[in-house]
Structure formats: C-alpha cells, structure tokens
Protein backbone atom coordinates (compact mmCIF):
# COMPACT_ATOMS: atom_id res chain seq x y z
CA MET A 1 62.60 -40.22 -12.64
CA VAL A 2 60.51 -37.92 -10.49
CA MET A 3 60.23 -40.58 -7.86
CA THR A 4 63.96 -41.15 -7.77
CA THR A 5 64.60 -37.40 -7.47
CA LEU A 6 62.01 -37.09 -4.73
CA SER A 7 63.43 -40.07 -2.84
CA GLY A 8 66.93 -38.63 -3.21
CA TYR A 9 65.71 -35.27 -1.89
CA LEU A 10 64.08 -36.95 1.05
CA SER A 11 67.21 -38.95 1.78
CA LEU A 12 69.22 -35.75 1.89
CA GLN A 13 66.68 -34.09 4.21
CA ASN A 14 66.18 -37.12 6.38
CA PRO A 15 69.11 -39.53 6.70
CA THR A 16 66.76 -42.41 7.47
CA PRO A 17 66.62 -44.95 4.68
CA VAL A 18 63.63 -44.86 2.32
CA THR A 19 61.80 -48.12 2.28
CA SER A 20 59.42 -47.55 -0.60
CA ALA A 21 58.36 -44.90 -3.08
CA PRO A 22 54.62 -44.74 -2.09
CA ALA A 23 55.47 -44.22 1.58
CA ALA A 24 57.84 -41.41 0.63
CA ALA A 25 55.13 -39.78 -1.52
CA LYS A 26 52.66 -39.92 1.37
CA ALA A 27 55.19 -38.40 3.71
CA ALA A 28 55.89 -35.59 1.23
CA GLU A 29 52.18 -34.88 0.84
CA ALA A 30 51.71 -34.79 4.61
CA ALA A 31 54.63 -32.38 4.96
CA ALA A 32 53.20 -30.13 2.24
CA ALA A 33 49.75 -30.16 3.88
CA ASP A 34 51.32 -29.27 7.24
CA ALA A 35 53.22 -26.40 5.62
CA ARG A 36 50.04 -25.10 3.93
CA GLY A 37 48.08 -25.37 7.19
CA PHE A 38 50.80 -23.44 9.01
CA ALA A 39 50.82 -20.75 6.28
CA ASP A 40 47.02 -20.50 6.35
CA LYS A 41 47.06 -20.16 10.13
CA ASN A 42 49.69 -17.41 9.95
CA PHE A 43 47.66 -15.57 7.27
CA ARG A 44 44.46 -15.75 9.37
CA ASP A 45 46.28 -14.44 12.42
CA GLN A 46 47.76 -11.54 10.46
CA LEU A 47 44.36 -10.67 8.93
CA ARG A 48 42.67 -10.68 12.35
CA GLU A 49 45.36 -8.45 13.76
CA GLN A 50 44.99 -5.96 10.87
CA ILE A 51 41.21 -5.80 11.37
CA ARG A 52 41.59 -5.26 15.10
CA ALA A 53 44.11 -2.46 14.45
CA GLN A 54 41.69 -0.76 12.03
CA VAL A 55 38.86 -0.99 14.57
CA ARG A 56 41.11 0.47 17.29
CA GLY A 57 42.08 3.31 14.93
CA ALA A 58 38.42 4.06 14.07
CA VAL A 59 37.48 4.12 17.76
CA ALA A 60 40.41 6.44 18.45
CA GLN A 61 39.30 8.79 15.63
CA ASP A 62 35.74 8.90 17.00
CA ALA A 63 37.09 9.66 20.46
CA GLN A 64 39.12 12.60 19.11
CA GLY A 65 36.08 14.08 17.35
CA VAL A 66 37.42 13.52 13.86
CA PRO A 67 34.58 12.53 11.57
CA ALA A 68 34.89 9.25 9.75
CA PRO A 69 35.71 9.52 6.06
CA PRO A 70 32.70 9.22 3.74
CA ALA A 71 31.89 5.89 2.23
CA PRO A 72 33.08 5.46 -1.34
CA PRO A 73 30.34 5.75 -3.96
CA GLU A 74 28.73 2.57 -5.13
CA ALA A 75 29.87 1.12 -8.39
CA PRO A 76 27.26 1.60 -11.11
CA ARG A 77 25.10 -1.45 -11.52
CA THR A 78 24.82 -2.63 -15.08
CA PHE A 79 23.13 -5.55 -16.74
CA THR A 80 24.28 -7.01 -20.03
CA ILE A 81 21.68 -8.72 -22.18
CA ARG A 82 22.70 -10.90 -25.09
CA GLY A 83 20.25 -11.29 -27.92
CA PRO A 84 19.73 -14.41 -30.02
CA ASN A 85 21.93 -12.96 -32.77
CA GLY A 86 24.82 -12.31 -30.34
CA GLU A 87 24.15 -8.58 -29.99
CA GLN A 88 24.84 -7.23 -26.50
CA THR A 89 22.82 -4.49 -24.79
CA THR A 90 23.99 -2.92 -21.53
CA ILE A 91 21.45 -1.34 -19.21
CA GLY A 92 22.55 0.84 -16.31
CA MET A 93 20.59 0.94 -13.05
CA PRO A 94 20.52 4.08 -10.91
CA PRO A 95 21.79 3.89 -7.34
CA ALA A 96 19.40 2.45 -4.78
CA SER A 97 18.70 5.91 -3.33
CA ASP A 98 17.49 7.19 -6.72
CA ILE A 99 15.20 4.30 -7.69
CA ILE A 100 12.12 5.74 -5.92
CA PRO A 101 11.52 9.37 -6.85
CA PRO A 102 10.89 11.74 -3.92
CA GLN A 103 7.48 12.71 -5.33
CA ALA A 104 6.30 9.11 -5.03
CA VAL A 105 7.38 9.08 -1.40
CA ASP A 106 5.45 12.31 -0.77
CA ILE A 107 2.34 10.90 -2.44
CA SER A 108 2.48 7.67 -0.45
CA VAL A 109 2.91 9.57 2.84
CA ALA A 110 -0.04 11.83 1.94
CA PHE A 111 -2.13 8.76 1.07
CA PHE A 112 -1.51 7.09 4.43
CA ILE A 113 -2.18 10.32 6.33
CA THR A 114 -5.45 10.75 4.41
CA MET A 115 -6.47 7.17 5.20
CA ALA A 116 -5.75 7.74 8.90
CA ILE A 117 -7.84 10.91 8.89
CA ILE A 118 -10.72 9.10 7.17
CA ILE A 119 -10.58 6.15 9.56
CA ILE A 120 -10.54 8.41 12.61
CA GLY A 121 -12.62 11.32 11.26
CA LEU A 122 -15.57 9.43 9.75
CA PRO A 123 -16.93 8.02 13.03
CA LEU A 124 -16.38 11.39 14.71
CA ALA A 125 -18.30 13.18 11.94
CA ARG A 126 -21.19 10.70 12.22
CA ALA A 127 -21.38 11.13 15.98
CA PHE A 128 -21.37 14.93 15.64
CA ALA A 129 -24.14 14.79 12.98
CA ARG A 130 -26.30 12.52 15.16
CA ARG A 131 -25.85 14.85 18.07
CA MET A 132 -26.95 17.80 15.93
CA ASP A 133 -30.00 15.84 14.68
CA ARG A 134 -31.10 15.07 18.23
CA LYS A 135 -31.01 18.74 19.15
CA VAL A 136 -33.06 19.86 16.11
CA ALA A 137 -35.58 16.99 16.14
CA THR A 138 -37.60 18.21 19.16
CA PRO A 139 -38.79 21.78 18.45
CA GLN A 140 -41.16 23.29 21.05
CA ILE A 141 -44.42 24.80 19.76
CA SER A 142 -46.12 27.46 21.87
CA ASN A 143 -49.78 27.14 22.97
CA ASP A 144 -50.90 30.15 20.87
CA VAL A 145 -49.51 28.65 17.68
CA SER A 146 -51.06 25.24 18.40
CA ALA A 147 -54.49 26.87 19.03
CA GLN A 148 -54.25 28.79 15.75
CA LEU A 149 -53.29 25.58 13.89
CA ALA A 150 -56.33 23.75 15.37
CA HIS A 151 -58.68 26.61 14.34
CA LEU A 152 -57.18 26.64 10.83
CA SER A 153 -57.63 22.86 10.58
CA GLN A 154 -61.32 23.15 11.52
CA ALA A 155 -61.84 25.92 8.94
CA VAL A 156 -60.24 23.82 6.19
CA ASP A 157 -62.50 20.86 7.11
CA ALA A 158 -65.60 23.09 6.89
CA ILE A 159 -64.53 24.43 3.49
CA ALA A 160 -63.96 20.87 2.27
CA LEU A 161 -67.52 19.90 3.28
CA GLU A 162 -69.02 22.92 1.47
CA VAL A 163 -67.03 22.19 -1.68
CA GLU A 164 -68.27 18.58 -1.58
CA ARG A 165 -71.88 19.78 -1.35
CA ILE A 166 -71.38 22.16 -4.29
CA THR A 167 -69.85 19.36 -6.34
CA GLU A 168 -72.80 17.08 -5.54
CA GLY A 169 -75.25 19.79 -6.65
CA GLN A 170 -73.34 20.28 -9.89
CA ARG A 171 -73.53 16.55 -10.64
CA PHE A 172 -77.26 16.47 -9.94
CA THR A 173 -77.91 19.48 -12.22
CA THR A 174 -75.83 17.94 -15.01
CA LYS A 175 -77.76 14.68 -14.70
CA LEU A 176 -81.15 16.45 -14.93
CA LEU A 177 -80.12 18.42 -18.01
CA SER A 178 -78.85 15.33 -19.79
CA GLU A 179 -82.12 13.44 -19.01
CA GLN A 180 -84.23 16.31 -20.40
CA ARG A 181 -82.16 16.40 -23.59
CA ASP A 182 -82.55 12.65 -24.10
CA ALA A 183 -86.33 12.89 -23.56
CA ALA A 184 -86.60 15.73 -26.08
CA ARG A 185 -84.74 13.74 -28.72
CA GLN A 186 -87.05 10.78 -28.33
CA THR A 187 -90.20 12.87 -28.78
CA LEU A 188 -89.11 14.77 -31.89
CA PRO A 189 -89.62 13.05 -35.24
CA SER A 190 -86.61 12.35 -37.27
CA ALA A 191 -86.21 14.23 -40.60
CA ASN A 192 -84.53 11.36 -42.44
CA ARG A 193 -87.53 9.06 -42.53
C-alpha cells in the first residue's frame, strides 16, 4: 500500500510513467538526500554568516573602547559516585582557579628562589672564603720576635737536659737504696726459724 501511494505521488509530481517500484524508491531516496544536503548547506552558510557578524561586532566594540562583557562563570563541576548498594554520592570540585591555594604558590616560588640563591651563592661564598684564607695564611714575623723565639727555644732545650740529668741521678739513688735494703735483709737472721 505504501508503495502504491508513493508511486501515485511520484506520478503526480512527474508525469513520466513509473516502470518499477524499486526504481521509484531509489529516486525518492535520492531526492530526499539532495534535499537534506541542500538544507545542511544552507544551515552551514547561515551559521558561518552569524559567526562572522559576531566577530565584526566584537571588533567594532573594541575599536570604540567599550570593554568586552565578562565571561560567564564556569558551571560547577560535580562527580557522582554510585556505590555497590545503589547509593549515590555527589562530590563538587572547586573552580580551576581555586584548586591550588595561594599559599602553596608562594611557598613554591620561595623554594625556587632559595634554590637559585644556593646554586649561585655557594660557589661565590667558597671563593670568598678561599681568598680570605690566602690573605691570613702568610703572617710576617719581625726579626726581633724571631730572635727572642730562638733564644727561648735554646733555654727550653737546656732546661730539658738538666731535668734529664736530675732524673738519672734520682734513678741511681733509688737503685742504690734498694740494693742496700736487699743486702741487709739477707744478712739478718729470720725470727721464724
């Protein structure tokens, strides 16, 4: 029935005789596709023209010094989580500008500045310290002080020799006394016998 209605419609539109139903169906499909293509082309052209008009209007506003309207706020981002028992939990995310707190940004900037100072300052501090060490490492001693130090050194050596002689005499005296005590013990009779 549909085919007969379609073939009758086509015969009214086109007075040429219809030879077969499948050929008429193909012709109808081709006509519908052409109509859709034409409508799509018209829609694309209209859309392009609207976009171009909006761009021209924005350029004209900028030329007149009128500030552009602010961007609309972002829609809140939410995530819905479904549990195994069918329970739903919705979690809201803050806008992208609020995800990183400003204190964390300050800390990270301070960290990188500190690292730059350390990388640059450490070699400079070492070089400065080495330079200071070179200046202090070569003190000049006057001739009077060096003569006094030599005389003091000779006096200390002489004192050391005298102390060594005294120590040797002390050892000799101690040895003699211990030998006399041993000899006296051997000559005395023992009371326990």
